[in-house]
Amino acid sequence: MPYANGRTYHDADSHFMELGDWLVQYADPDLRDRIRPLHLGGAGAAAGQAVAAAAGRRGDPAAARSLEERLMETKGWAALGAFDPTERSRALDLLGFSKQLVFSTFAATQFFGDDLDLLYGGARAHNRGMAEFCAADERLVAVGFVPWGDPVRALAEADEAIRLGCGAILVPSAPPRDQSPFHTDYHPFWRLLEETGVPFMLHIGGGGRPLRRAFHENGKPPITDFLGGGENIRSKDYMCLHNPPEIFLSCMLLDGMFETFPRLRGGCIEQGAMWVVPWLRRLDLAVEGFSRTEPALRLPRRPSDYVHGHLWFTPFPNEPVGWMIEQAGEDLFLFSSDYPHPEGGRDPLGRFERSLEGLPEAAIERFYAGNFADMMAL
């Protein structure tokens, strides 16, 4: 019996685990020697060994079969379907998910920066690879990546990613240096997403580190994360990791982007969602307090009203999802597993189930499948 059964489950967050030679093979020939090595500094102490072991088991059917028995226990590069598309389809059979968004993990470290040729060339290579990984299984939805920095190139790479088959476009939640992502120069990019029905995505890491490193320098022994490194989420990071997407989406709403592009949709993934409840009220307070001196805020609807039908959010399994639905509505939140990342835990479904106890069946169905279908226009 699959891990998830008895209803339809759409998974709004899963990952592809890159091997060291993955991105280069998709890059244009004149760019290949400029692609940086895969940087694993944020992956914990044993990441290098894990990548080497994963590369060593490529194409080994016996190793894949042994992983089926440890589907929810084995994580990272060692997991079933972490980097092999045939294995991933088998993993989906065992997981029981009908759809699954697939994000990369560390690939952006190989090209992200101020060199626009490397930045956009690396993004194109990334999108080719993600589209190919997901191409053979209609349950897998490839998430392409389009960086800010050049509105013309951003439009071109979004168009190419969609042509390749990417079903969603990840964008950084940190703005470019000199203009907003909602500047009119970027409107052709947003118009393309609206016209093609492809949603944008925000994901953890896309806004950099919201917590200044100095807060970890407190004169006490250094704190490592549960993966054994010091670069992933710790308690202090957890308290503010929602800040970049909250700022991004606030500016998007206050700039009237969903009035300008009424069919545009987007998801905020792996950044928690409990913050959404007070944020909805704070958005409306901002308009009430500043619309007299900022005429652009005088939109036909309250900003919180634009959130519904345009934006969706993935809670962490430890968040009180039932309470959040009661407070903010049943149309905003999405189930996610984070497979095969260890942060997803061994039983995310069980933790969500306990939080949803007592809610109407319609609200539960929307959490597990209906809201994802709305976001993706299935």
Protein backbone atom coordinates (compact mmCIF):
# COMPACT_ATOMS: atom_id res chain seq x y z
CA MET A 1 0.00 0.00 0.00
CA PRO A 2 1.39 3.48 -0.82
CA TYR A 3 2.48 5.80 1.97
CA ALA A 4 -0.41 8.16 1.11
CA ASN A 5 -3.70 6.54 0.16
CA GLY A 6 -7.46 6.97 0.36
CA ARG A 7 -7.63 10.37 -1.35
CA THR A 8 -5.77 12.47 -3.94
CA TYR A 9 -2.49 13.98 -2.75
CA HIS A 10 -0.61 16.66 -4.65
CA ASP A 11 2.85 17.43 -3.29
CA ALA A 12 3.83 21.10 -3.57
CA ASP A 13 7.49 20.66 -2.60
CA SER A 14 10.02 18.02 -3.58
CA HIS A 15 13.60 18.14 -4.79
CA PHE A 16 16.08 16.84 -7.30
CA MET A 17 19.51 16.11 -5.79
CA GLU A 18 22.26 17.19 -8.18
CA LEU A 19 25.39 15.16 -8.77
CA GLY A 20 28.63 16.94 -9.55
CA ASP A 21 28.47 16.43 -13.30
CA TRP A 22 24.78 17.17 -13.75
CA LEU A 23 24.57 20.86 -14.65
CA VAL A 24 27.58 21.03 -16.96
CA GLN A 25 26.13 18.54 -19.42
CA TYR A 26 23.15 20.86 -20.06
CA ALA A 27 25.15 24.06 -20.49
CA ASP A 28 25.99 25.54 -23.88
CA PRO A 29 29.50 24.49 -24.97
CA ASP A 30 31.02 27.96 -24.58
CA LEU A 31 29.77 28.14 -20.98
CA ARG A 32 30.72 24.72 -19.65
CA ASP A 33 34.16 25.63 -18.38
CA ARG A 34 32.68 28.58 -16.47
CA ILE A 35 30.15 26.56 -14.49
CA ARG A 36 31.41 26.41 -10.92
CA PRO A 37 31.75 23.13 -8.99
CA LEU A 38 28.71 22.06 -7.00
CA HIS A 39 28.93 23.85 -3.63
CA LEU A 40 27.75 21.73 -0.71
CA GLY A 41 28.74 23.98 2.18
CA GLY A 42 25.17 24.17 3.45
CA ALA A 43 24.44 20.45 3.18
CA GLY A 44 26.01 19.17 6.37
CA ALA A 45 29.26 17.47 7.25
CA ALA A 46 28.80 14.28 5.23
CA ALA A 47 27.47 15.76 1.99
CA GLY A 48 30.57 15.07 -0.07
CA GLN A 49 30.58 11.39 0.85
CA ALA A 50 26.84 11.19 0.17
CA VAL A 51 27.26 12.56 -3.35
CA ALA A 52 30.11 10.16 -4.07
CA ALA A 53 28.10 7.20 -2.80
CA ALA A 54 25.10 8.24 -4.86
CA ALA A 55 27.18 8.54 -8.02
CA GLY A 56 28.54 5.07 -7.34
CA ARG A 57 25.11 3.45 -7.25
CA ARG A 58 23.82 4.98 -10.51
CA GLY A 59 22.19 2.33 -12.66
CA ASP A 60 22.24 -0.34 -9.92
CA PRO A 61 18.74 -1.91 -9.84
CA ALA A 62 19.50 -3.97 -6.75
CA ALA A 63 20.46 -0.85 -4.80
CA ALA A 64 17.25 0.84 -5.95
CA ARG A 65 15.10 -2.09 -4.82
CA SER A 66 16.68 -2.03 -1.39
CA LEU A 67 15.76 1.64 -1.04
CA GLU A 68 12.07 0.91 -1.60
CA GLU A 69 11.90 -0.67 1.85
CA ARG A 70 13.33 2.50 3.43
CA LEU A 71 11.36 5.02 1.39
CA MET A 72 10.71 7.56 4.15
CA GLU A 73 13.84 6.83 6.19
CA THR A 74 16.56 7.29 3.55
CA LYS A 75 17.04 10.94 2.64
CA GLY A 76 19.15 13.20 0.47
CA TRP A 77 21.25 11.75 -2.36
CA ALA A 78 20.78 8.24 -0.96
CA ALA A 79 16.99 8.33 -1.36
CA LEU A 80 15.06 6.48 -4.03
CA GLY A 81 14.61 8.79 -7.02
CA ALA A 82 16.87 11.51 -5.67
CA PHE A 83 18.56 11.97 -9.06
CA ASP A 84 17.33 9.14 -11.31
CA PRO A 85 14.03 9.81 -13.14
CA THR A 86 13.07 6.14 -13.44
CA GLU A 87 13.61 5.68 -9.73
CA ARG A 88 11.62 8.85 -9.06
CA SER A 89 8.61 7.44 -10.86
CA ARG A 90 8.85 4.32 -8.70
CA ALA A 91 9.16 6.51 -5.61
CA LEU A 92 5.95 8.31 -6.59
CA ASP A 93 4.18 4.96 -6.94
CA LEU A 94 5.20 4.13 -3.39
CA LEU A 95 4.52 7.61 -2.02
CA GLY A 96 1.04 7.72 -3.57
CA PHE A 97 1.24 11.31 -4.79
CA SER A 98 -0.63 12.24 -7.97
CA LYS A 99 1.41 15.38 -8.69
CA GLN A 100 4.72 16.64 -7.39
CA LEU A 101 6.50 19.95 -7.92
CA VAL A 102 10.24 19.30 -8.33
CA PHE A 103 12.79 21.97 -7.36
CA SER A 104 16.55 21.67 -7.67
CA THR A 105 18.67 21.81 -4.52
CA PHE A 106 22.17 23.27 -4.95
CA ALA A 107 22.49 23.97 -8.68
CA ALA A 108 22.20 27.75 -8.34
CA THR A 109 25.49 27.82 -6.42
CA GLN A 110 27.19 26.91 -9.71
CA PHE A 111 26.13 30.04 -11.60
CA PHE A 112 24.45 32.62 -9.37
CA GLY A 113 26.19 36.02 -9.15
CA ASP A 114 26.82 39.29 -10.96
CA ASP A 115 28.09 37.79 -14.23
CA LEU A 116 24.90 37.99 -16.29
CA ASP A 117 26.16 35.71 -19.05
CA LEU A 118 26.93 32.98 -16.51
CA LEU A 119 23.76 33.74 -14.54
CA TYR A 120 21.33 33.39 -17.42
CA GLY A 121 23.33 30.71 -19.21
CA GLY A 122 23.42 28.67 -16.01
CA ALA A 123 19.70 29.18 -15.52
CA ARG A 124 19.03 27.87 -19.03
CA ALA A 125 21.19 24.79 -18.38
CA HIS A 126 19.33 24.26 -15.10
CA ASN A 127 15.96 24.48 -16.82
CA ARG A 128 16.98 22.02 -19.52
CA GLY A 129 18.05 19.54 -16.89
CA MET A 130 14.96 19.93 -14.72
CA ALA A 131 12.64 19.61 -17.71
CA GLU A 132 14.40 16.42 -18.83
CA PHE A 133 14.26 14.90 -15.33
CA CYS A 134 10.48 15.35 -15.22
CA ALA A 135 9.64 14.75 -18.88
CA ALA A 136 8.81 11.04 -18.78
CA ASP A 137 6.30 11.16 -15.92
CA GLU A 138 3.30 13.50 -16.11
CA ARG A 139 3.04 13.44 -12.33
CA LEU A 140 6.32 15.35 -12.07
CA VAL A 141 6.18 19.12 -12.57
CA ALA A 142 9.56 20.68 -13.29
CA VAL A 143 10.23 24.03 -11.64
CA GLY A 144 12.45 26.22 -13.82
CA PHE A 145 14.50 29.12 -12.49
CA VAL A 146 14.60 32.68 -13.80
CA PRO A 147 16.85 35.22 -12.05
CA TRP A 148 16.42 38.99 -11.89
CA GLY A 149 19.00 41.40 -13.22
CA ASP A 150 18.03 41.93 -16.86
CA PRO A 151 14.31 42.20 -17.73
CA VAL A 152 14.88 41.22 -21.37
CA ARG A 153 16.90 38.12 -20.49
CA ALA A 154 14.47 37.20 -17.73
CA LEU A 155 11.63 37.20 -20.24
CA ALA A 156 13.65 35.16 -22.73
CA GLU A 157 14.61 32.51 -20.16
CA ALA A 158 11.07 32.26 -18.82
CA ASP A 159 9.80 31.74 -22.35
CA GLU A 160 12.46 29.09 -23.00
CA ALA A 161 11.79 27.30 -19.69
CA ILE A 162 8.08 27.08 -20.50
CA ARG A 163 8.89 25.85 -24.03
CA LEU A 164 11.10 23.15 -22.50
CA GLY A 165 8.19 21.96 -20.37
CA CYS A 166 8.73 23.60 -16.98
CA GLY A 167 5.36 23.90 -15.28
CA ALA A 168 6.35 26.60 -12.76
CA ILE A 169 9.01 29.30 -12.57
CA LEU A 170 11.07 29.92 -9.44
CA VAL A 171 12.17 33.52 -8.94
CA PRO A 172 14.38 35.01 -6.20
CA SER A 173 12.52 36.74 -3.40
CA ALA A 174 15.45 39.16 -3.14
CA PRO A 175 15.14 42.00 -5.67
CA PRO A 176 17.84 43.00 -8.14
CA ARG A 177 20.08 45.85 -7.03
CA ASP A 178 18.55 48.79 -8.82
CA GLN A 179 14.86 48.14 -9.45
CA SER A 180 11.89 46.24 -8.17
CA PRO A 181 10.80 42.94 -9.75
CA PHE A 182 7.48 44.77 -10.19
CA HIS A 183 8.96 47.64 -12.19
CA THR A 184 7.20 48.10 -15.51
CA ASP A 185 10.35 46.81 -17.25
CA TYR A 186 9.53 43.38 -15.80
CA HIS A 187 5.85 43.48 -16.76
CA PRO A 188 6.44 41.46 -19.97
CA PHE A 189 7.81 38.65 -17.76
CA TRP A 190 4.74 38.66 -15.52
CA ARG A 191 2.46 38.95 -18.54
CA LEU A 192 4.04 35.82 -20.03
CA LEU A 193 3.33 33.85 -16.85
CA GLU A 194 -0.25 35.10 -16.81
CA GLU A 195 -0.89 34.32 -20.46
CA THR A 196 0.65 30.85 -20.32
CA GLY A 197 -0.97 29.96 -16.98
CA VAL A 198 2.41 29.08 -15.45
CA PRO A 199 2.68 30.10 -11.78
CA PHE A 200 5.72 31.72 -10.19
CA MET A 201 7.31 30.18 -7.11
CA LEU A 202 9.21 31.55 -4.12
CA HIS A 203 11.30 29.06 -2.16
CA ILE A 204 13.47 29.06 0.93
CA GLY A 205 16.93 30.39 0.11
CA GLY A 206 15.69 32.74 -2.58
CA GLY A 207 16.08 35.79 -0.37
CA GLY A 208 19.49 35.05 1.04
CA ARG A 209 19.97 34.83 4.79
CA PRO A 210 17.46 37.10 6.56
CA LEU A 211 19.24 36.68 9.91
CA ARG A 212 22.52 38.55 10.25
CA ARG A 213 25.33 36.17 11.10
CA ALA A 214 26.28 38.32 14.10
CA PHE A 215 23.28 36.99 16.01
CA HIS A 216 24.94 33.55 16.05
CA GLU A 217 28.12 35.08 17.52
CA ASN A 218 26.96 35.23 21.13
CA GLY A 219 29.98 34.00 23.04
CA LYS A 220 28.52 30.51 23.44
CA PRO A 221 29.64 27.26 21.75
CA PRO A 222 28.69 27.25 18.04
CA ILE A 223 25.33 25.72 17.18
CA THR A 224 25.13 23.26 14.31
CA ASP A 225 21.96 22.36 12.47
CA PHE A 226 20.53 18.85 12.65
CA LEU A 227 22.43 17.89 9.47
CA GLY A 228 25.74 18.52 11.18
CA GLY A 229 26.59 21.82 9.52
CA GLY A 230 26.19 25.45 10.40
CA GLU A 231 24.55 26.70 7.22
CA ASN A 232 21.05 25.25 7.36
CA ILE A 233 18.09 26.25 9.49
CA ARG A 234 18.60 26.71 13.20
CA SER A 235 16.18 28.13 15.74
CA LYS A 236 17.09 31.77 15.14
CA ASP A 237 16.97 31.32 11.37
CA TYR A 238 13.53 29.74 11.69
CA MET A 239 12.17 32.85 13.40
CA CYS A 240 12.78 35.07 10.38
CA LEU A 241 13.05 32.87 7.29
CA HIS A 242 9.61 34.06 6.16
CA ASN A 243 10.79 37.69 6.01
CA PRO A 244 12.05 37.68 2.38
CA PRO A 245 8.87 36.19 0.86
CA GLU A 246 6.68 38.31 3.11
CA ILE A 247 8.40 41.47 1.88
CA PHE A 248 8.36 40.31 -1.74
CA LEU A 249 4.66 39.45 -1.72
CA SER A 250 3.72 42.57 0.26
CA CYS A 251 5.39 44.79 -2.33
CA MET A 252 3.78 42.78 -5.12
CA LEU A 253 0.32 43.28 -3.65
CA LEU A 254 0.82 46.95 -2.74
CA ASP A 255 2.07 47.60 -6.28
CA GLY A 256 -1.24 46.22 -7.58
CA MET A 257 0.30 43.39 -9.60
CA PHE A 258 -2.75 41.17 -9.31
CA GLU A 259 -4.96 44.01 -10.49
CA THR A 260 -2.66 44.51 -13.48
CA PHE A 261 -2.38 40.76 -14.10
CA PRO A 262 -5.61 39.28 -12.76
CA ARG A 263 -4.85 35.70 -13.82
CA LEU A 264 -1.32 35.59 -12.37
CA ARG A 265 -0.78 32.95 -9.68
CA GLY A 266 2.07 32.00 -7.37
CA GLY A 267 3.24 29.74 -4.56
CA CYS A 268 5.36 30.39 -1.47
CA ILE A 269 7.12 27.12 -0.74
CA GLU A 270 9.04 25.75 2.28
CA GLN A 271 8.98 29.01 4.19
CA GLY A 272 6.26 28.20 6.67
CA ALA A 273 2.78 29.65 6.61
CA MET A 274 1.70 30.55 10.14
CA TRP A 275 2.92 34.10 9.43
CA VAL A 276 0.22 34.42 6.75
CA VAL A 277 -2.56 34.81 9.33
CA PRO A 278 -1.42 38.16 10.84
CA TRP A 279 0.11 39.25 7.50
CA LEU A 280 -3.31 39.40 5.84
CA ARG A 281 -4.51 41.88 8.43
CA ARG A 282 -1.29 43.90 8.31
CA LEU A 283 -1.63 44.30 4.54
CA ASP A 284 -5.02 45.90 4.95
CA LEU A 285 -3.77 48.12 7.75
CA ALA A 286 -0.99 49.38 5.46
CA VAL A 287 -3.53 50.47 2.87
CA GLU A 288 -5.82 52.01 5.46
CA GLY A 289 -2.92 53.96 6.94
CA PHE A 290 -1.17 55.15 3.80
CA SER A 291 -3.68 55.35 0.95
CA ARG A 292 -4.28 59.06 1.58
CA THR A 293 -0.67 59.91 0.74
CA GLU A 294 -0.07 57.01 -1.68
CA PRO A 295 -2.78 57.13 -4.35
CA ALA A 296 -1.49 53.93 -5.99
CA LEU A 297 -2.81 51.99 -3.00
CA ARG A 298 -6.41 52.88 -3.86
CA LEU A 299 -7.19 49.62 -5.62
CA PRO A 300 -10.70 48.21 -6.16
CA ARG A 301 -10.13 45.49 -3.54
CA ARG A 302 -8.30 45.15 -0.25
CA PRO A 303 -4.81 43.62 -0.62
CA SER A 304 -5.83 40.64 1.51
CA ASP A 305 -8.62 39.91 -0.97
CA TYR A 306 -6.09 39.62 -3.79
CA VAL A 307 -4.21 36.96 -1.84
CA HIS A 308 -7.14 34.59 -2.17
CA GLY A 309 -7.16 33.04 -5.61
CA HIS A 310 -3.66 34.27 -6.47
CA LEU A 311 -1.28 32.96 -3.78
CA TRP A 312 -0.77 29.67 -1.94
CA PHE A 313 1.55 28.65 0.92
CA THR A 314 3.10 25.43 2.28
CA PRO A 315 3.04 25.13 6.07
CA PHE A 316 5.72 23.26 7.96
CA PRO A 317 4.44 19.96 9.42
CA ASN A 318 4.82 21.29 12.97
CA GLU A 319 2.59 24.31 12.35
CA PRO A 320 -1.07 24.37 13.53
CA VAL A 321 -2.56 24.05 10.06
CA GLY A 322 -6.09 23.46 11.31
CA TRP A 323 -6.04 26.72 13.26
CA MET A 324 -4.51 28.54 10.29
CA ILE A 325 -7.31 27.35 8.01
CA GLU A 326 -9.90 28.46 10.54
CA GLN A 327 -8.32 31.91 10.76
CA ALA A 328 -7.38 32.62 7.15
CA GLY A 329 -9.56 30.34 5.03
CA GLU A 330 -9.36 26.90 3.47
CA ASP A 331 -8.12 28.12 0.07
CA LEU A 332 -4.53 29.17 0.93
CA PHE A 333 -2.52 26.21 2.22
CA LEU A 334 -0.86 23.28 0.47
CA PHE A 335 0.40 19.84 1.44
CA SER A 336 4.12 19.25 0.85
CA SER A 337 6.58 16.48 1.67
CA ASP A 338 9.98 18.08 0.86
CA TYR A 339 11.00 14.65 -0.48
CA PRO A 340 13.82 13.58 -0.36
CA HIS A 341 15.19 16.34 1.85
CA PRO A 342 15.57 15.34 5.51
CA GLU A 343 13.71 18.47 6.65
CA GLY A 344 10.48 16.83 5.50
CA GLY A 345 10.79 14.20 8.19
CA ARG A 346 9.79 10.55 8.11
CA ASP A 347 6.06 11.08 8.39
CA PRO A 348 4.94 14.55 7.24
CA LEU A 349 1.50 13.19 6.38
CA GLY A 350 0.93 11.93 9.92
CA ARG A 351 1.86 15.30 11.41
CA PHE A 352 -0.46 17.16 9.07
CA GLU A 353 -3.27 14.69 9.75
CA ARG A 354 -3.12 15.38 13.48
CA SER A 355 -3.27 19.12 12.88
CA LEU A 356 -6.29 18.81 10.58
CA GLU A 357 -8.43 16.77 12.95
CA GLY A 358 -11.93 18.16 13.30
CA LEU A 359 -11.95 20.20 10.08
CA PRO A 360 -14.65 19.66 7.46
CA GLU A 361 -13.78 17.14 4.78
CA ALA A 362 -13.94 19.83 2.11
CA ALA A 363 -11.21 21.83 3.84
CA ILE A 364 -9.00 18.75 4.20
CA GLU A 365 -9.45 17.86 0.53
CA ARG A 366 -8.46 21.37 -0.49
CA PHE A 367 -5.30 21.17 1.62
CA TYR A 368 -4.17 17.89 0.12
CA ALA A 369 -5.17 18.43 -3.50
CA GLY A 370 -7.70 21.14 -4.37
CA ASN A 371 -5.56 24.16 -3.64
CA PHE A 372 -2.65 22.71 -5.59
CA ALA A 373 -5.00 22.14 -8.53
CA ASP A 374 -6.11 25.78 -8.35
CA MET A 375 -2.54 27.07 -8.15
CA MET A 376 -1.41 24.95 -11.10
CA ALA A 377 -4.67 25.37 -13.06
CA LEU A 378 -4.97 21.61 -13.45
